[in-house]
Each structure stands twice: as C-alpha cells, then as structure tokens.
C-alpha cells in the first residue's frame, strides 16, 4: 500500500533547512552525516523518512540509514504522524529524537528508556528555558519568542 503525505509547508521547510545548516558543522567534526528526507530502514518494506537524520558512516548505505541513527528530528505539523514515528526510531537505535512543533517551535526530546517518567521513550521535559540538549552532538535546541536557536545559530520566523 502506498502512503502519500502532503508536501511540507514553507515554514516547515524553513525549520528543516535551518536545522541542517546549524547541525552540519557539529556533525562534520564527528565524521558523521546530516541529511533531510533520507530513509531510515529496518527492511525494504519497513522504513520511515524523517525530516532530519544524523548518522555515522557505519549506519549509512546507498539506500539511506540502514543502521542506528544517532539523532532523528521530526517537525510536527498539524495532523501529521511525527509522534507515531518516535517509538519506531527509538526501536532502530536512535539516541535522541527531538520533535519540534512547527507553529510554536516548542521542542520535546525523546530518548531510549524515557529518562523522565514511566513512559519508555516518552518525552524528556525541556529545561526551564524550553530548550533540550542533544547529547550525541553536545548542542542545545532552544525556542524563544519566535526564534529557534541551535547552538550559535538562530532562525527567526
């Protein structure tokens, strides 16, 4: 069965592009890769396509990410399937799965074992400033007053 989703909005695409630009230098220093709209695969017929994925060379293949992704970012738009994909990414070995709300820019961080609360893989509460730490990359994502900061990079929408 073919599953077709509508194209992302302009705002969604701006957030995605900002994340790629902001994460790329951090990822490159580790010898890793950051890509948008790249398949994370469990099998030929079992895959998801996140907005942004960070992976090591050992996890990559010509098809996309065949091994464990380090970080998977989903940008939540109204009515989309971002939240439903989080457990699948964690099951594939993702260490951090931040979900950025397209409209409010609020960020939820999901990780294996749900370090906060009883829900395995449930969101880790943001810091008091609304930000979260992506431990695999040593960078914080912080929403504030219509901006989204990733380390020293700031996107104004």
Protein backbone atom coordinates (compact mmCIF):
# COMPACT_ATOMS: atom_id res chain seq x y z
CA UNK A 1 0.00 0.00 0.00
CA UNK A 2 1.38 3.39 -0.99
CA UNK A 3 1.24 6.04 1.73
CA UNK A 4 1.26 9.60 0.41
CA UNK A 5 1.58 12.66 2.61
CA UNK A 6 1.03 16.26 1.53
CA UNK A 7 4.06 18.46 0.87
CA UNK A 8 5.50 20.30 3.85
CA UNK A 9 4.58 23.95 4.34
CA UNK A 10 7.06 26.75 3.72
CA UNK A 11 7.54 27.24 7.48
CA UNK A 12 8.17 23.51 7.96
CA UNK A 13 10.80 23.60 5.20
CA UNK A 14 12.46 26.70 6.70
CA UNK A 15 12.83 24.97 10.06
CA UNK A 16 14.21 21.85 8.37
CA UNK A 17 16.78 23.86 6.38
CA UNK A 18 17.83 25.79 9.49
CA UNK A 19 18.39 22.58 11.41
CA UNK A 20 20.56 21.15 8.62
CA UNK A 21 22.70 24.31 8.42
CA UNK A 22 23.07 24.57 12.20
CA UNK A 23 23.87 20.89 12.78
CA UNK A 24 26.18 20.34 9.81
CA UNK A 25 29.43 21.72 11.36
CA UNK A 26 28.86 19.74 14.58
CA UNK A 27 28.14 16.57 12.64
CA UNK A 28 31.06 17.01 10.26
CA UNK A 29 33.53 17.34 13.18
CA UNK A 30 32.46 13.85 14.28
CA UNK A 31 32.80 12.42 10.79
CA UNK A 32 29.04 11.87 10.66
CA UNK A 33 26.36 12.94 8.17
CA UNK A 34 23.24 15.09 8.44
CA UNK A 35 20.54 14.83 5.78
CA UNK A 36 16.95 15.81 5.16
CA UNK A 37 14.25 13.46 3.92
CA UNK A 38 16.51 10.39 3.98
CA UNK A 39 15.08 6.96 4.65
CA UNK A 40 15.77 5.15 7.92
CA UNK A 41 15.32 1.50 7.03
CA UNK A 42 14.57 -1.63 9.01
CA UNK A 43 13.78 -3.64 5.85
CA UNK A 44 12.89 -2.98 2.21
CA UNK A 45 9.25 -2.62 3.20
CA UNK A 46 9.74 -1.16 6.70
CA UNK A 47 11.13 2.37 6.75
CA UNK A 48 10.37 5.94 7.78
CA UNK A 49 11.52 9.23 6.27
CA UNK A 50 12.28 11.79 8.99
CA UNK A 51 12.70 15.50 8.40
CA UNK A 52 16.36 15.39 9.51
CA UNK A 53 18.62 12.46 10.38
CA UNK A 54 22.17 12.35 11.76
CA UNK A 55 24.10 9.13 11.27
CA UNK A 56 27.59 7.67 11.41
CA UNK A 57 29.33 6.28 8.33
CA UNK A 58 28.77 2.76 9.70
CA UNK A 59 24.98 3.31 9.68
CA UNK A 60 24.78 4.65 6.13
CA UNK A 61 24.23 2.86 2.86
CA UNK A 62 23.32 3.87 -0.65
CA UNK A 63 19.66 3.42 0.35
CA UNK A 64 19.83 5.74 3.35
CA UNK A 65 20.36 4.87 7.01
CA UNK A 66 20.40 1.09 7.45
CA UNK A 67 21.92 1.09 10.94
CA UNK A 68 21.11 3.03 14.07
CA UNK A 69 20.68 6.77 13.54
CA UNK A 70 22.30 8.99 16.19
CA UNK A 71 19.67 11.73 16.03
CA UNK A 72 16.33 11.90 14.22
CA UNK A 73 14.43 15.20 14.11
CA UNK A 74 10.75 15.41 13.34
CA UNK A 75 8.97 18.71 12.74
CA UNK A 76 5.39 18.30 13.93
CA UNK A 77 2.75 19.86 11.71
CA UNK A 78 -0.98 19.72 12.47
CA UNK A 79 -2.39 16.25 11.78
CA UNK A 80 0.92 14.64 10.80
CA UNK A 81 2.45 11.36 12.01
CA UNK A 82 5.54 12.70 13.80
CA UNK A 83 4.55 11.38 17.23
CA UNK A 84 3.67 7.94 15.88
CA UNK A 85 7.14 7.60 14.32
CA UNK A 86 9.11 8.31 17.53
CA UNK A 87 8.90 4.78 19.05
CA UNK A 88 9.93 3.27 15.70
CA UNK A 89 13.07 5.48 15.54
CA UNK A 90 13.95 4.59 19.12
CA UNK A 91 13.48 0.93 18.25
CA UNK A 92 16.01 1.38 15.43
CA UNK A 93 18.57 2.63 17.97
CA UNK A 94 18.20 6.42 17.77
CA UNK A 95 19.80 8.05 20.80
CA UNK A 96 17.86 11.32 20.58
CA UNK A 97 14.60 12.15 18.81
CA UNK A 98 13.66 15.81 19.19
CA UNK A 99 10.23 16.80 17.92
CA UNK A 100 9.91 20.49 17.04
CA UNK A 101 6.41 21.92 16.82
CA UNK A 102 6.13 23.78 13.52
CA UNK A 103 3.87 26.51 14.87
CA UNK A 104 5.05 27.15 18.44
CA UNK A 105 8.67 25.93 17.97
CA UNK A 106 8.33 24.08 21.30
CA UNK A 107 10.75 21.14 21.46
CA UNK A 108 10.20 17.70 23.03
CA UNK A 109 13.12 15.32 23.37
CA UNK A 110 12.57 11.56 23.27
CA UNK A 111 15.24 9.03 24.17
CA UNK A 112 15.56 5.33 24.80
CA UNK A 113 14.14 4.26 28.13
CA UNK A 114 12.37 7.55 28.81
CA UNK A 115 14.79 9.03 31.37
CA UNK A 116 11.98 11.14 32.85
CA UNK A 117 8.73 9.47 33.79
CA UNK A 118 7.43 5.94 33.41
CA UNK A 119 6.75 6.12 29.67
CA UNK A 120 9.55 4.31 27.78
CA UNK A 121 10.65 6.64 25.06
CA UNK A 122 8.37 9.35 26.40
CA UNK A 123 9.43 12.96 26.15
CA UNK A 124 12.11 14.32 28.42
CA UNK A 125 10.91 17.56 29.95
CA UNK A 126 12.56 20.63 28.49
CA UNK A 127 14.87 22.80 30.59
CA UNK A 128 13.30 25.89 32.23
CA UNK A 129 14.12 27.93 29.09
CA UNK A 130 12.23 25.41 26.93
CA UNK A 131 15.42 24.02 25.44
CA UNK A 132 16.71 20.47 25.19
CA UNK A 133 20.23 19.06 24.97
CA UNK A 134 21.09 16.77 22.06
CA UNK A 135 23.74 14.79 23.91
CA UNK A 136 25.13 12.95 20.86
CA UNK A 137 26.08 16.35 19.37
CA UNK A 138 26.62 18.39 22.52
CA UNK A 139 24.24 21.14 21.37
CA UNK A 140 21.05 22.65 22.74
CA UNK A 141 17.91 23.48 20.77
CA UNK A 142 16.11 26.41 22.38
CA UNK A 143 12.85 28.04 21.24
CA UNK A 144 12.37 31.65 22.34
CA UNK A 145 9.97 34.32 21.20
CA UNK A 146 9.50 33.24 17.59
CA UNK A 147 13.08 32.03 17.17
CA UNK A 148 14.69 28.63 17.26
CA UNK A 149 18.33 28.55 18.37
CA UNK A 150 20.57 25.58 17.67
CA UNK A 151 23.87 26.28 19.36
CA UNK A 152 25.02 29.65 17.98
CA UNK A 153 22.60 29.57 15.03
CA UNK A 154 19.28 31.35 15.33
CA UNK A 155 16.29 31.13 12.99
CA UNK A 156 13.75 33.95 13.08
CA UNK A 157 10.39 33.13 11.56
